[in-house]
Amino acid sequence: MTHTVNEPTVALGFRYALRSGVTCLTLPNRVAVLSAPPRKFQRAGLDAAQLAALQALNSNSTVLVTADDSVSELLAELADGGWLAVTVRAAGRDLYTLRPFAEPPAAPAEIPATVTPSKFLVLHRAGADLVAEHPMSWCDLVVHDADVLAAVSGLAASPDLPARLRRDLLWGGFALAESDCEEHEFTTRSWSAPDLWFHRRSTLGARILDWEHFGPTRWAADRFPAPPARPAERPGAPIELPACDLDLLTCHDVPLTAAIEARMSHRSFDERNPITLDQLGELLYRCARTREVRDDAGFERASRPYPSAGGIYELELYPIVRNAAGLEAGMYHYDSFDHHLVPVADIDSAAVQRLLRMTSATLSGGAQPQVTVVVAARAGRVMWMYETVCYASILKDVGALMQTCYLVATAMGLGIVAQGFGDTAAFGAAAGVAELEECAVGTLIVGSLPE
């Protein structure tokens, strides 16, 4: 919603603080040096009041400015350079805080009367704060006031909000002038807010410069027990699967180069001669069995044939068998430790049927699959160890598993195709798991090739 913010009549006040990562050194010759590697800024000729203000900031204090003087001039300059977080105040209350984390561009010289929120704007709760983010911005905007929240989100405008808010919304990229439109350019039209936000939030860049809260920090080590490598056992009689003779395969298997060159997606299968129990067992053994588990300072790392971030191996496979020789139809869980299948759900259950109907969109003529392998992630395994990059790491692991399955299926003479979408709600209902504990992250369809 486009909104216009009218000019207020109340005077503004400002509270300043050093932004995260900035240090300020004041020298005896009335010089101050601000540093946030790799950036550095030096200011000379400071008066006593300015030096006192910077010293207060460096002691983790805030400086409140309500009048124009040398201190307000200096602090406004530093805030415009991205060195300070600034809280804008009016009528004795905090409105919002502009919290930089990178060097800003020049502030907009002209402030239009009408602005509209960017489609990439994201509002979320962070601790006690409500934060507005833009994935391409150099700062965050922390909302303290209900009228500001309505204005930032585009739901309403208050006549008491200052033009300064419009300036800061434009400056941070949270809003656009009415003449600008993100739907006119391919680069902004093609990206969605979740995709761009996820991309920027899971990579190093302007927002994330160090490893304090990024990567394998083991943040949960002192708070929560580490999820074990092996999932909880499921009830039901296990179905033993034949193991493979790896020595024989090493001598007689299709060469890797041949498998890579022959690899392709197959969308048609031979219903009269379906995949067999032995073939499914060999595929699972060669692609996804757990070869070993080792302890690493209280965290269980594992080994399987495909690579996984940090040796965590959070992925679980759930074959849904509709037509396979020697195996009753139904949904199973693959126990990668003991190499057997455990029944999970009946083939006629509503949730399993939803999963099967979904796969028909991938196959030629809307056919039914012989075997659908739902790939699920025990997300807590990754999230106990990692920060920020958790879901991105899971998706990378899915890609590694899928390529392994493609090459092994090709070497075995089976057909296989990956599906680019899934129904995680149907999977949760079928498998009887909570989505935040175990969620569907990929789907493979495998079967026998037509003559």
Protein backbone atom coordinates (compact mmCIF):
# COMPACT_ATOMS: atom_id res chain seq x y z
CA MET A 1 0.00 0.00 0.00
CA THR A 2 1.36 3.41 -0.92
CA HIS A 3 1.16 6.03 1.80
CA THR A 4 2.00 9.67 2.31
CA VAL A 5 3.63 10.84 5.53
CA ASN A 6 2.75 14.39 6.48
CA GLU A 7 5.15 16.85 8.07
CA PRO A 8 4.97 16.93 11.88
CA THR A 9 5.08 19.98 14.04
CA VAL A 10 6.96 18.36 16.94
CA ALA A 11 10.73 18.70 17.27
CA LEU A 12 12.92 15.64 17.00
CA GLY A 13 15.54 14.33 19.38
CA PHE A 14 18.25 11.78 18.67
CA ARG A 15 19.99 9.16 20.78
CA TYR A 16 23.30 7.91 19.41
CA ALA A 17 25.37 4.80 20.16
CA LEU A 18 28.34 3.13 18.51
CA ARG A 19 27.11 0.48 16.13
CA SER A 20 28.16 -3.11 16.68
CA GLY A 21 31.78 -3.71 15.75
CA VAL A 22 32.92 -0.08 15.95
CA THR A 23 35.61 1.17 18.34
CA CYS A 24 36.44 4.84 18.94
CA LEU A 25 39.86 6.06 20.05
CA THR A 26 40.27 9.66 21.23
CA LEU A 27 43.80 11.10 21.13
CA PRO A 28 45.32 13.98 23.17
CA ASN A 29 45.67 16.20 20.07
CA ARG A 30 41.85 16.48 19.75
CA VAL A 31 41.72 13.70 17.16
CA ALA A 32 39.32 10.75 17.13
CA VAL A 33 39.77 7.53 15.15
CA LEU A 34 36.80 5.25 14.52
CA SER A 35 37.47 1.74 13.28
CA ALA A 36 35.37 -1.16 12.00
CA PRO A 37 37.77 -3.29 9.93
CA PRO A 38 38.39 -2.88 7.11
CA ARG A 39 36.98 0.68 7.44
CA LYS A 40 38.64 3.51 9.39
CA PHE A 41 37.67 7.15 9.89
CA GLN A 42 39.65 10.01 11.47
CA ARG A 43 38.27 13.35 12.65
CA ALA A 44 40.55 16.19 13.82
CA GLY A 45 39.92 19.54 15.47
CA LEU A 46 37.40 18.31 18.01
CA ASP A 47 36.27 20.53 20.86
CA ALA A 48 35.94 19.44 24.48
CA ALA A 49 32.21 18.67 24.23
CA GLN A 50 32.72 16.53 21.12
CA LEU A 51 35.57 14.59 22.74
CA ALA A 52 33.45 13.98 25.82
CA ALA A 53 30.59 12.69 23.68
CA LEU A 54 32.85 10.26 21.81
CA GLN A 55 34.38 9.03 25.06
CA ALA A 56 30.88 8.39 26.39
CA LEU A 57 30.03 6.42 23.27
CA ASN A 58 33.19 4.34 23.58
CA SER A 59 32.23 3.40 27.14
CA ASN A 60 29.02 1.83 25.78
CA SER A 61 26.93 4.81 26.81
CA THR A 62 24.41 6.57 24.60
CA VAL A 63 24.36 10.28 23.89
CA LEU A 64 21.03 12.09 23.73
CA VAL A 65 20.92 15.19 21.49
CA THR A 66 17.97 17.59 21.49
CA ALA A 67 19.53 20.82 20.22
CA ASP A 68 21.79 21.91 17.38
CA ASP A 69 25.37 22.37 18.55
CA SER A 70 28.85 21.06 17.78
CA VAL A 71 28.04 17.68 19.34
CA SER A 72 24.88 17.20 17.29
CA GLU A 73 26.75 18.20 14.14
CA LEU A 74 29.54 15.67 14.76
CA LEU A 75 27.23 12.81 15.73
CA ALA A 76 24.96 13.41 12.72
CA GLU A 77 28.05 13.27 10.48
CA LEU A 78 29.16 9.98 12.04
CA ALA A 79 25.66 8.53 11.81
CA ASP A 80 25.47 9.43 8.10
CA GLY A 81 28.78 7.59 7.69
CA GLY A 82 27.36 4.42 9.21
CA TRP A 83 29.46 4.57 12.40
CA LEU A 84 26.58 5.13 14.81
CA ALA A 85 23.17 3.68 15.47
CA VAL A 86 20.69 6.51 15.83
CA THR A 87 17.34 6.43 17.58
CA VAL A 88 14.87 9.05 16.37
CA ARG A 89 12.66 10.46 19.12
CA ALA A 90 9.63 12.76 19.25
CA ALA A 91 7.50 14.04 22.10
CA GLY A 92 9.58 12.13 24.64
CA ARG A 93 9.20 8.72 23.01
CA ASP A 94 11.44 6.59 20.82
CA LEU A 95 10.12 6.14 17.29
CA TYR A 96 12.69 3.90 15.62
CA THR A 97 16.40 3.11 15.49
CA LEU A 98 18.48 2.97 12.34
CA ARG A 99 21.07 0.28 13.05
CA PRO A 100 23.86 0.10 10.42
CA PHE A 101 26.10 -2.90 9.81
CA ALA A 102 27.95 -1.68 6.69
CA GLU A 103 29.07 1.50 4.97
CA PRO A 104 26.00 3.40 3.70
CA PRO A 105 25.48 5.16 0.40
CA ALA A 106 24.84 8.89 0.39
CA ALA A 107 21.56 9.80 2.05
CA PRO A 108 18.82 10.86 -0.39
CA ALA A 109 18.90 14.57 -1.15
CA GLU A 110 15.21 14.79 -1.99
CA ILE A 111 12.45 13.33 0.13
CA PRO A 112 9.22 12.67 -1.78
CA ALA A 113 5.89 13.16 -0.12
CA THR A 114 4.80 9.63 -1.01
CA VAL A 115 6.68 6.37 -0.50
CA THR A 116 5.76 2.70 -0.86
CA PRO A 117 7.31 -0.29 0.96
CA SER A 118 9.75 -2.45 -0.98
CA LYS A 119 8.52 -5.93 -1.87
CA PHE A 120 11.69 -7.28 -0.23
CA LEU A 121 10.91 -5.67 3.14
CA VAL A 122 10.77 -8.24 5.95
CA LEU A 123 9.47 -7.50 9.45
CA HIS A 124 10.37 -9.99 12.17
CA ARG A 125 10.83 -10.29 15.89
CA ALA A 126 14.44 -10.40 17.17
CA GLY A 127 14.50 -10.76 20.94
CA ALA A 128 12.51 -7.85 22.33
CA ASP A 129 12.78 -5.86 19.10
CA LEU A 130 10.62 -5.71 15.99
CA VAL A 131 13.07 -5.33 13.13
CA ALA A 132 12.57 -4.25 9.52
CA GLU A 133 15.14 -5.75 7.15
CA HIS A 134 15.92 -5.50 3.47
CA PRO A 135 18.29 -8.19 2.15
CA MET A 136 20.24 -5.65 0.05
CA SER A 137 20.37 -2.93 2.69
CA TRP A 138 23.28 -1.61 4.74
CA CYS A 139 21.22 -1.28 7.91
CA ASP A 140 18.23 -2.56 9.86
CA LEU A 141 15.40 -0.42 11.18
CA VAL A 142 14.23 -1.27 14.69
CA VAL A 143 10.63 -0.23 15.32
CA HIS A 144 9.68 1.17 18.74
CA ASP A 145 6.37 2.86 17.98
CA ALA A 146 3.04 1.51 16.70
CA ASP A 147 2.55 4.42 14.28
CA VAL A 148 6.00 3.80 12.83
CA LEU A 149 5.16 0.12 12.42
CA ALA A 150 2.03 0.99 10.47
CA ALA A 151 3.98 3.41 8.28
CA VAL A 152 6.89 1.03 7.64
CA SER A 153 4.57 -1.80 6.66
CA GLY A 154 2.50 0.48 4.44
CA LEU A 155 -0.72 -0.18 6.32
CA ALA A 156 -1.29 3.41 7.43
CA ALA A 157 0.36 6.78 7.86
CA SER A 158 0.32 9.06 10.87
CA PRO A 159 0.36 12.85 10.61
CA ASP A 160 2.75 12.90 13.58
CA LEU A 161 5.57 11.03 11.81
CA PRO A 162 8.51 13.10 10.55
CA ALA A 163 9.94 13.45 7.07
CA ARG A 164 13.09 11.95 8.59
CA LEU A 165 11.32 8.59 8.62
CA ARG A 166 10.69 8.79 4.87
CA ARG A 167 14.32 9.69 4.33
CA ASP A 168 15.55 6.73 6.36
CA LEU A 169 13.12 4.31 4.72
CA LEU A 170 14.37 5.37 1.29
CA TRP A 171 17.99 5.43 2.42
CA GLY A 172 17.86 1.87 3.75
CA GLY A 173 15.93 0.57 0.74
CA PHE A 174 12.91 -0.31 2.88
CA ALA A 175 10.68 1.93 0.75
CA LEU A 176 10.68 3.39 -2.73
CA ALA A 177 9.57 6.65 -4.23
CA GLU A 178 6.23 6.33 -5.99
CA SER A 179 7.94 6.72 -9.39
CA ASP A 180 10.15 3.65 -8.77
CA CYS A 181 8.81 0.15 -9.20
CA GLU A 182 10.53 -3.17 -8.57
CA GLU A 183 8.25 -4.89 -11.06
CA HIS A 184 9.66 -2.99 -14.06
CA GLU A 185 13.17 -4.45 -13.97
CA PHE A 186 13.82 -8.16 -14.57
CA THR A 187 16.44 -8.42 -11.83
CA THR A 188 14.06 -7.21 -9.12
CA ARG A 189 10.90 -8.72 -10.64
CA SER A 190 12.46 -12.18 -10.85
CA TRP A 191 13.56 -12.43 -7.21
CA SER A 192 11.02 -13.11 -4.46
CA ALA A 193 11.44 -11.76 -0.94
CA PRO A 194 11.97 -15.23 0.64
CA ASP A 195 14.57 -16.24 -1.96
CA LEU A 196 16.60 -13.05 -1.72
CA TRP A 197 16.36 -12.89 2.07
CA PHE A 198 17.44 -16.55 2.38
CA HIS A 199 20.32 -16.00 -0.05
CA ARG A 200 21.71 -12.99 1.79
CA ARG A 201 21.10 -14.42 5.26
CA SER A 202 22.94 -17.69 4.58
CA THR A 203 26.13 -16.20 3.12
CA LEU A 204 28.99 -14.05 4.31
CA GLY A 205 28.74 -10.43 3.23
CA ALA A 206 28.06 -6.97 4.51
CA ARG A 207 25.82 -8.21 7.30
CA ILE A 208 28.03 -11.10 8.41
CA LEU A 209 31.76 -10.42 8.52
CA ASP A 210 33.02 -12.87 11.13
CA TRP A 211 32.42 -16.39 12.43
CA GLU A 212 31.02 -15.46 15.84
CA HIS A 213 27.47 -16.49 14.90
CA PHE A 214 28.11 -18.10 11.51
CA GLY A 215 28.91 -21.69 10.63
CA PRO A 216 29.80 -24.54 13.04
CA THR A 217 29.69 -22.60 16.31
CA ARG A 218 28.20 -25.41 18.46
CA TRP A 219 25.97 -22.70 19.94
CA ALA A 220 23.70 -25.27 21.60
CA ALA A 221 26.43 -27.29 23.30
CA ASP A 222 25.88 -25.72 26.75
CA ARG A 223 22.10 -25.59 26.49
CA PHE A 224 20.74 -28.72 24.79
CA PRO A 225 21.87 -32.33 24.35
CA ALA A 226 23.19 -33.13 20.88
CA PRO A 227 20.67 -35.05 18.72
CA PRO A 228 22.09 -38.54 18.11
CA ALA A 229 23.20 -39.70 14.69
CA ARG A 230 20.68 -42.54 14.79
CA PRO A 231 16.99 -41.57 14.83
CA ALA A 232 14.56 -43.11 17.26
CA GLU A 233 13.51 -46.64 16.40
CA ARG A 234 10.15 -47.07 14.73
CA PRO A 235 7.71 -49.79 15.65
CA GLY A 236 7.05 -52.51 13.15
CA ALA A 237 8.80 -55.61 11.92
CA PRO A 238 11.88 -54.67 9.88
CA ILE A 239 12.32 -56.00 6.36
CA GLU A 240 15.89 -57.11 5.81
CA LEU A 241 17.57 -55.87 2.66
CA PRO A 242 20.39 -57.69 0.87
CA ALA A 243 23.82 -56.16 1.19
CA CYS A 244 26.06 -55.58 -1.80
CA ASP A 245 29.31 -57.26 -2.69
CA LEU A 246 31.38 -54.10 -2.99
CA ASP A 247 34.48 -56.00 -4.08
CA LEU A 248 32.55 -57.50 -6.99
CA LEU A 249 31.08 -54.10 -7.89
CA THR A 250 34.52 -52.56 -7.86
CA CYS A 251 35.61 -55.03 -10.53
CA HIS A 252 32.51 -55.13 -12.73
CA ASP A 253 30.48 -51.94 -12.15
CA VAL A 254 29.89 -49.36 -14.85
CA PRO A 255 32.85 -46.93 -14.99
CA LEU A 256 32.23 -43.57 -13.32
CA THR A 257 32.73 -41.62 -16.53
CA ALA A 258 30.22 -43.81 -18.34
CA ALA A 259 27.66 -43.32 -15.56
CA ILE A 260 28.18 -39.56 -15.57
CA GLU A 261 27.77 -39.32 -19.34
CA ALA A 262 24.72 -41.61 -19.40
CA ARG A 263 23.01 -39.93 -16.44
CA MET A 264 19.62 -38.46 -17.26
CA SER A 265 16.15 -38.05 -15.81
CA HIS A 266 13.61 -40.73 -16.73
CA ARG A 267 9.89 -40.05 -16.61
CA SER A 268 8.56 -43.37 -17.94
CA PHE A 269 8.91 -46.80 -16.32
CA ASP A 270 8.10 -50.44 -17.11
CA GLU A 271 5.01 -51.30 -15.09
CA ARG A 272 5.01 -54.95 -16.22
CA ASN A 273 8.58 -55.52 -14.95
CA PRO A 274 8.91 -53.21 -11.96
CA ILE A 275 11.94 -52.56 -9.79
CA THR A 276 12.70 -55.45 -7.42
CA LEU A 277 13.32 -55.56 -3.67
CA ASP A 278 16.94 -56.53 -4.33
CA GLN A 279 17.44 -53.55 -6.67
CA LEU A 280 15.91 -51.11 -4.21
CA GLY A 281 18.06 -52.55 -1.43
CA GLU A 282 21.21 -52.24 -3.54
CA LEU A 283 20.39 -48.63 -4.45
CA LEU A 284 19.86 -47.69 -0.81
CA TYR A 285 22.98 -49.55 0.32
CA ARG A 286 25.23 -47.96 -2.27
CA CYS A 287 23.84 -44.44 -1.78
CA ALA A 288 22.75 -43.94 1.80
CA ARG A 289 23.89 -46.60 4.27
CA THR A 290 25.66 -45.43 7.42
CA ARG A 291 29.21 -46.79 7.31
CA GLU A 292 30.41 -45.58 10.70
CA VAL A 293 29.68 -43.23 13.60
CA ARG A 294 32.43 -41.49 15.57
CA ASP A 295 32.31 -39.25 18.60
CA ASP A 296 33.56 -35.67 18.28
CA ALA A 297 33.55 -33.99 21.70
CA GLY A 298 30.06 -35.24 22.50
CA PHE A 299 28.64 -34.91 18.99
CA GLU A 300 28.15 -37.99 16.81
CA ARG A 301 29.50 -37.60 13.29
CA ALA A 302 28.79 -40.24 10.69
CA SER A 303 29.94 -41.47 7.28
CA ARG A 304 27.81 -42.36 4.27
CA PRO A 305 28.63 -42.67 0.56
CA TYR A 306 27.63 -39.07 -0.20
CA PRO A 307 29.19 -35.93 1.36
CA SER A 308 27.39 -34.04 4.10
CA ALA A 309 28.16 -30.75 5.85
CA GLY A 310 30.35 -31.43 8.86
CA GLY A 311 29.75 -35.17 8.66
CA ILE A 312 26.36 -34.59 10.28
CA TYR A 313 24.20 -36.70 7.94
CA GLU A 314 20.80 -35.41 8.92
CA LEU A 315 18.96 -36.85 5.92
CA GLU A 316 16.54 -39.77 6.21
CA LEU A 317 14.98 -41.71 3.32
CA TYR A 318 11.35 -42.81 3.16
CA PRO A 319 10.59 -45.07 0.16
CA ILE A 320 6.92 -45.13 -0.84
CA VAL A 321 6.44 -48.39 -2.70
CA ARG A 322 3.52 -48.63 -5.11
CA ASN A 323 4.79 -51.32 -7.51
CA ALA A 324 7.92 -53.28 -6.64
CA ALA A 325 8.51 -57.02 -7.07
CA GLY A 326 8.95 -58.76 -3.73
CA LEU A 327 7.84 -55.85 -1.55
CA GLU A 328 4.39 -55.02 -0.27
CA ALA A 329 3.03 -51.59 -1.17
CA GLY A 330 3.34 -48.95 1.53
CA MET A 331 5.53 -46.24 2.99
CA TYR A 332 8.75 -47.30 4.68
CA HIS A 333 11.66 -45.74 6.55
CA TYR A 334 15.15 -46.80 5.51
CA ASP A 335 17.23 -47.71 8.56
CA SER A 336 20.66 -46.78 7.23
CA PHE A 337 22.42 -48.31 10.25
CA ASP A 338 21.00 -51.84 10.02
CA HIS A 339 20.14 -51.66 6.29
CA HIS A 340 16.50 -52.60 6.49
CA LEU A 341 13.09 -51.08 5.85
CA VAL A 342 10.56 -50.39 8.59
CA PRO A 343 6.87 -49.96 7.68
CA VAL A 344 5.60 -46.44 8.36
CA ALA A 345 2.18 -46.04 6.72
CA ASP A 346 -0.31 -47.94 4.60
CA ILE A 347 -0.32 -47.19 0.89
CA ASP A 348 -4.02 -46.29 1.05
CA SER A 349 -3.65 -43.67 3.78
CA ALA A 350 -4.79 -40.20 2.71
CA ALA A 351 -1.40 -38.58 3.34
CA VAL A 352 0.53 -41.22 1.37
CA GLN A 353 -1.92 -40.88 -1.52
CA ARG A 354 -1.33 -37.10 -1.51
CA LEU A 355 2.40 -37.73 -1.84
CA LEU A 356 1.83 -40.14 -4.73
CA ARG A 357 -0.54 -37.80 -6.58
CA MET A 358 2.07 -35.06 -6.31
CA THR A 359 4.67 -37.18 -8.10
CA SER A 360 2.41 -37.74 -11.11
CA ALA A 361 3.07 -34.14 -12.19
CA THR A 362 6.68 -35.16 -12.85
CA LEU A 363 6.02 -38.35 -14.83
CA SER A 364 4.99 -38.71 -18.45
CA GLY A 365 1.24 -38.73 -18.95
CA GLY A 366 0.59 -38.31 -15.24
CA ALA A 367 1.68 -41.88 -14.55
CA GLN A 368 2.02 -43.33 -11.07
CA PRO A 369 5.55 -43.96 -9.73
CA GLN A 370 6.91 -47.38 -8.88
CA VAL A 371 8.92 -46.12 -5.91
CA THR A 372 8.99 -42.57 -4.55
CA VAL A 373 11.81 -41.79 -2.14
CA VAL A 374 10.99 -38.84 0.11
CA VAL A 375 14.15 -37.25 1.51
CA ALA A 376 13.60 -35.79 4.98
CA ALA A 377 15.92 -33.83 7.24
CA ARG A 378 16.27 -34.17 10.99
CA ALA A 379 16.96 -30.46 11.08
CA GLY A 380 18.05 -30.37 14.71
CA ARG A 381 21.19 -32.34 13.83
CA VAL A 382 22.39 -29.41 11.72
CA MET A 383 20.90 -26.63 13.82
CA TRP A 384 22.58 -27.85 17.02
CA MET A 385 25.96 -27.44 15.37
CA TYR A 386 25.53 -24.56 12.91
CA GLU A 387 24.22 -20.99 12.94
CA THR A 388 22.83 -18.99 10.01
CA VAL A 389 23.71 -21.56 7.33
CA CYS A 390 21.60 -24.45 8.65
CA TYR A 391 18.89 -24.77 6.00
CA ALA A 392 21.30 -23.86 3.20
CA SER A 393 23.56 -26.71 4.33
CA ILE A 394 20.63 -29.14 4.36
CA LEU A 395 19.74 -28.26 0.77
CA LYS A 396 23.36 -28.71 -0.32
CA ASP A 397 23.33 -32.16 1.31
CA VAL A 398 20.16 -33.02 -0.62
CA GLY A 399 21.90 -32.11 -3.87
CA ALA A 400 24.89 -34.32 -3.03
CA LEU A 401 22.59 -37.25 -2.18
CA MET A 402 20.55 -36.80 -5.34
CA GLN A 403 23.61 -36.83 -7.61
CA THR A 404 24.86 -39.98 -5.87
CA CYS A 405 21.47 -41.64 -6.39
CA TYR A 406 21.41 -40.58 -10.04
CA LEU A 407 24.84 -42.08 -10.77
CA VAL A 408 24.21 -45.33 -8.90
CA ALA A 409 20.78 -45.79 -10.52
CA THR A 410 22.38 -45.18 -13.92
CA ALA A 411 25.08 -47.76 -13.20
CA MET A 412 22.38 -50.24 -12.13
CA GLY A 413 20.28 -49.68 -15.26
CA LEU A 414 17.40 -48.10 -13.31
CA GLY A 415 15.40 -45.02 -14.18
CA ILE A 416 15.40 -42.07 -11.81
CA VAL A 417 14.12 -38.51 -11.71
CA ALA A 418 14.28 -35.86 -9.01
CA GLN A 419 11.27 -33.71 -8.24
CA GLY A 420 11.72 -29.99 -7.67
CA PHE A 421 8.94 -29.64 -5.11
CA GLY A 422 7.26 -31.59 -2.34
CA ASP A 423 4.40 -31.65 0.12
CA THR A 424 5.98 -31.36 3.55
CA ALA A 425 2.61 -31.27 5.30
CA ALA A 426 1.57 -34.57 3.70
CA PHE A 427 4.93 -36.08 4.60
CA GLY A 428 4.57 -35.06 8.24
CA ALA A 429 1.10 -36.59 8.41
CA ALA A 430 2.22 -39.81 6.72
CA ALA A 431 5.43 -40.27 8.72
CA GLY A 432 3.94 -39.05 12.00
CA VAL A 433 6.67 -36.49 12.63
CA ALA A 434 6.63 -32.83 13.67
CA GLU A 435 7.80 -30.58 10.85
CA LEU A 436 10.25 -28.58 12.98
CA GLU A 437 11.92 -31.85 14.01
CA GLU A 438 11.89 -33.66 10.67
CA CYS A 439 10.77 -32.12 7.39
CA ALA A 440 10.62 -33.19 3.75
CA VAL A 441 13.36 -31.52 1.70
CA GLY A 442 13.47 -33.54 -1.53
CA THR A 443 11.88 -36.27 -3.62
CA LEU A 444 13.28 -38.91 -5.98
CA ILE A 445 11.27 -41.25 -8.20
CA VAL A 446 12.94 -44.53 -9.17
CA GLY A 447 11.84 -47.55 -11.20
CA SER A 448 12.64 -50.02 -13.95
CA LEU A 449 13.32 -48.70 -17.44
CA PRO A 450 11.12 -49.66 -20.36
CA GLU A 451 12.58 -52.14 -22.86
